[in-house]
C-alpha atoms as a PDB file:
ATOM      1  CA  MET A   1     -37.042   0.501 -75.225  1.00  0.00           C
ATOM      2  CA  ASP A   2     -34.988  -1.683 -77.462  1.00  0.00           C
ATOM      3  CA  THR A   3     -31.986   0.381 -77.538  1.00  0.00           C
ATOM      4  CA  PRO A   4     -28.916  -0.464 -76.204  1.00  0.00           C
ATOM      5  CA  ASP A   5     -28.296   2.019 -73.774  1.00  0.00           C
ATOM      6  CA  ALA A   6     -31.735   2.544 -72.341  1.00  0.00           C
ATOM      7  CA  PHE A   7     -30.134   1.955 -69.262  1.00  0.00           C
ATOM      8  CA  PRO A   8     -26.635   2.462 -69.418  1.00  0.00           C
ATOM      9  CA  GLU A   9     -25.535   1.689 -65.782  1.00  0.00           C
ATOM     10  CA  PRO A  10     -26.482  -1.613 -64.408  1.00  0.00           C
ATOM     11  CA  LEU A  11     -28.488  -1.472 -61.162  1.00  0.00           C
ATOM     12  CA  PRO A  12     -26.491  -1.807 -57.505  1.00  0.00           C
ATOM     13  CA  GLY A  13     -26.611  -5.477 -57.047  1.00  0.00           C
ATOM     14  CA  ALA A  14     -27.770  -6.506 -60.170  1.00  0.00           C
ATOM     15  CA  ASP A  15     -25.228  -8.451 -61.225  1.00  0.00           C
ATOM     16  CA  GLY A  16     -24.770 -11.296 -58.156  1.00  0.00           C
ATOM     17  CA  ALA A  17     -21.430 -10.035 -57.041  1.00  0.00           C
ATOM     18  CA  SER A  18     -21.816  -7.959 -53.524  1.00  0.00           C
ATOM     19  CA  ALA A  19     -18.951  -5.668 -53.823  1.00  0.00           C
ATOM     20  CA  PRO A  20     -17.257  -5.388 -50.365  1.00  0.00           C
ATOM     21  CA  GLY A  21     -17.113  -2.008 -49.177  1.00  0.00           C
ATOM     22  CA  PRO A  22     -14.795  -0.367 -46.839  1.00  0.00           C
ATOM     23  CA  ALA A  23     -14.958  -1.598 -43.180  1.00  0.00           C
ATOM     24  CA  ALA A  24     -16.958   0.948 -41.093  1.00  0.00           C
ATOM     25  CA  ASP A  25     -15.774   1.784 -37.864  1.00  0.00           C
ATOM     26  CA  ASP A  26     -18.252   0.160 -35.770  1.00  0.00           C
ATOM     27  CA  GLY A  27     -16.958  -3.209 -36.093  1.00  0.00           C
ATOM     28  CA  THR A  28     -19.020  -4.192 -39.170  1.00  0.00           C
ATOM     29  CA  PRO A  29     -17.500  -6.653 -41.335  1.00  0.00           C
ATOM     30  CA  PRO A  30     -17.029  -5.287 -44.806  1.00  0.00           C
ATOM     31  CA  GLY A  31     -19.492  -5.728 -47.324  1.00  0.00           C
ATOM     32  CA  ARG A  32     -22.374  -5.845 -44.480  1.00  0.00           C
ATOM     33  CA  ARG A  33     -24.799  -3.245 -44.262  1.00  0.00           C
ATOM     34  CA  LEU A  34     -24.842  -1.096 -41.097  1.00  0.00           C
ATOM     35  CA  ILE A  35     -28.534  -1.455 -39.794  1.00  0.00           C
ATOM     36  CA  ARG A  36     -29.508   0.578 -36.534  1.00  0.00           C
ATOM     37  CA  CYS A  37     -31.676  -0.180 -33.773  1.00  0.00           C
ATOM     38  CA  ARG A  38     -34.959   1.785 -34.862  1.00  0.00           C
ATOM     39  CA  LEU A  39     -35.693   2.573 -31.009  1.00  0.00           C
ATOM     40  CA  CYS A  40     -32.290   3.781 -29.771  1.00  0.00           C
ATOM     41  CA  GLY A  41     -30.000   4.145 -32.658  1.00  0.00           C
ATOM     42  CA  ARG A  42     -27.430   1.240 -31.809  1.00  0.00           C
ATOM     43  CA  PRO A  43     -25.819  -1.168 -34.478  1.00  0.00           C
ATOM     44  CA  LEU A  44     -27.330  -4.158 -34.906  1.00  0.00           C
ATOM     45  CA  THR A  45     -25.575  -7.506 -34.923  1.00  0.00           C
ATOM     46  CA  GLY A  46     -27.459 -10.513 -34.307  1.00  0.00           C
ATOM     47  CA  ALA A  47     -29.627 -12.019 -37.237  1.00  0.00           C
ATOM     48  CA  ASP A  48     -33.000 -11.498 -35.493  1.00  0.00           C
ATOM     49  CA  SER A  49     -32.241  -8.086 -34.241  1.00  0.00           C
ATOM     50  CA  ARG A  50     -31.495  -7.156 -37.794  1.00  0.00           C
ATOM     51  CA  ARG A  51     -34.514  -8.871 -39.405  1.00  0.00           C
ATOM     52  CA  THR A  52     -36.609  -6.687 -36.675  1.00  0.00           C
ATOM     53  CA  GLY A  53     -35.013  -3.444 -36.373  1.00  0.00           C
ATOM     54  CA  LEU A  54     -35.325  -3.364 -32.450  1.00  0.00           C
ATOM     55  CA  GLY A  55     -32.006  -4.406 -30.533  1.00  0.00           C
ATOM     56  CA  PRO A  56     -33.115  -7.152 -27.561  1.00  0.00           C
ATOM     57  CA  SER A  57     -33.585  -4.467 -24.719  1.00  0.00           C
ATOM     58  CA  CYS A  58     -35.739  -2.150 -26.937  1.00  0.00           C
ATOM     59  CA  ASP A  59     -38.037  -5.757 -27.982  1.00  0.00           C
ATOM     60  CA  ALA A  60     -37.872  -6.336 -24.245  1.00  0.00           C
ATOM     61  CA  LYS A  61     -39.411  -2.717 -23.576  1.00  0.00           C
ATOM     62  CA  LEU A  62     -41.559  -2.795 -26.475  1.00  0.00           C
ATOM     63  CA  HIS A  63     -42.630  -6.507 -26.374  1.00  0.00           C
ATOM     64  CA  PRO A  64     -42.657  -7.568 -22.479  1.00  0.00           C
ATOM     65  CA  ALA A  65     -42.959 -11.082 -21.362  1.00  0.00           C
ATOM     66  CA  PRO A  66     -46.271 -12.273 -20.496  1.00  0.00           C
ATOM     67  CA  PRO A  67     -47.038 -12.777 -16.613  1.00  0.00           C
ATOM     68  CA  ASP A  68     -46.551 -16.226 -15.407  1.00  0.00           C
ATOM     69  CA  ILE A  69     -49.934 -17.932 -14.744  1.00  0.00           C
ATOM     70  CA  ARG A  70     -48.979 -18.450 -11.129  1.00  0.00           C
ATOM     71  CA  THR A  71     -48.470 -15.164 -10.201  1.00  0.00           C
ATOM     72  CA  ARG A  72     -52.073 -13.853 -11.373  1.00  0.00           C
ATOM     73  CA  ARG A  73     -53.406 -17.210  -9.091  1.00  0.00           C
ATOM     74  CA  HIS A  74     -54.188 -16.106  -5.269  1.00  0.00           C
ATOM     75  CA  GLU A  75     -55.588 -18.086  -2.319  1.00  0.00           C
ATOM     76  CA  VAL A  76     -58.633 -18.079  -1.781  1.00  0.00           C
ATOM     77  CA  GLU A  77     -60.097 -18.812   2.096  1.00  0.00           C
ATOM     78  CA  GLN A  78     -63.192 -21.262   1.878  1.00  0.00           C
ATOM     79  CA  ASP A  79     -65.128 -23.208   4.622  1.00  0.00           C
ATOM     80  CA  PRO A  80     -64.092 -26.856   4.612  1.00  0.00           C
ATOM     81  CA  LEU A  81     -66.196 -29.252   2.812  1.00  0.00           C
ATOM     82  CA  PRO A  82     -68.761 -31.077   5.128  1.00  0.00           C
ATOM     83  CA  GLY A  83     -67.921 -34.556   5.862  1.00  0.00           C
ATOM     84  CA  THR A  84     -64.357 -34.148   5.616  1.00  0.00           C
END
């Protein structure tokens, strides 16, 4: 592996400078990779959405908010306490 042409082509992105590509039709800025939602396939723009791979509406479908504690409580009829 001491030969200089063992790896003649550099790996993409190995030089530290990202080569800006052409602007995509979906509004993605040049040089930024298009990431689509894993559920519906729409392009993702937000940093959190791009990190998780799900858009906000699809994430809400898969991970609904927990119910409020007050919705689980119900009134119970009780006899009045003696002496009150």
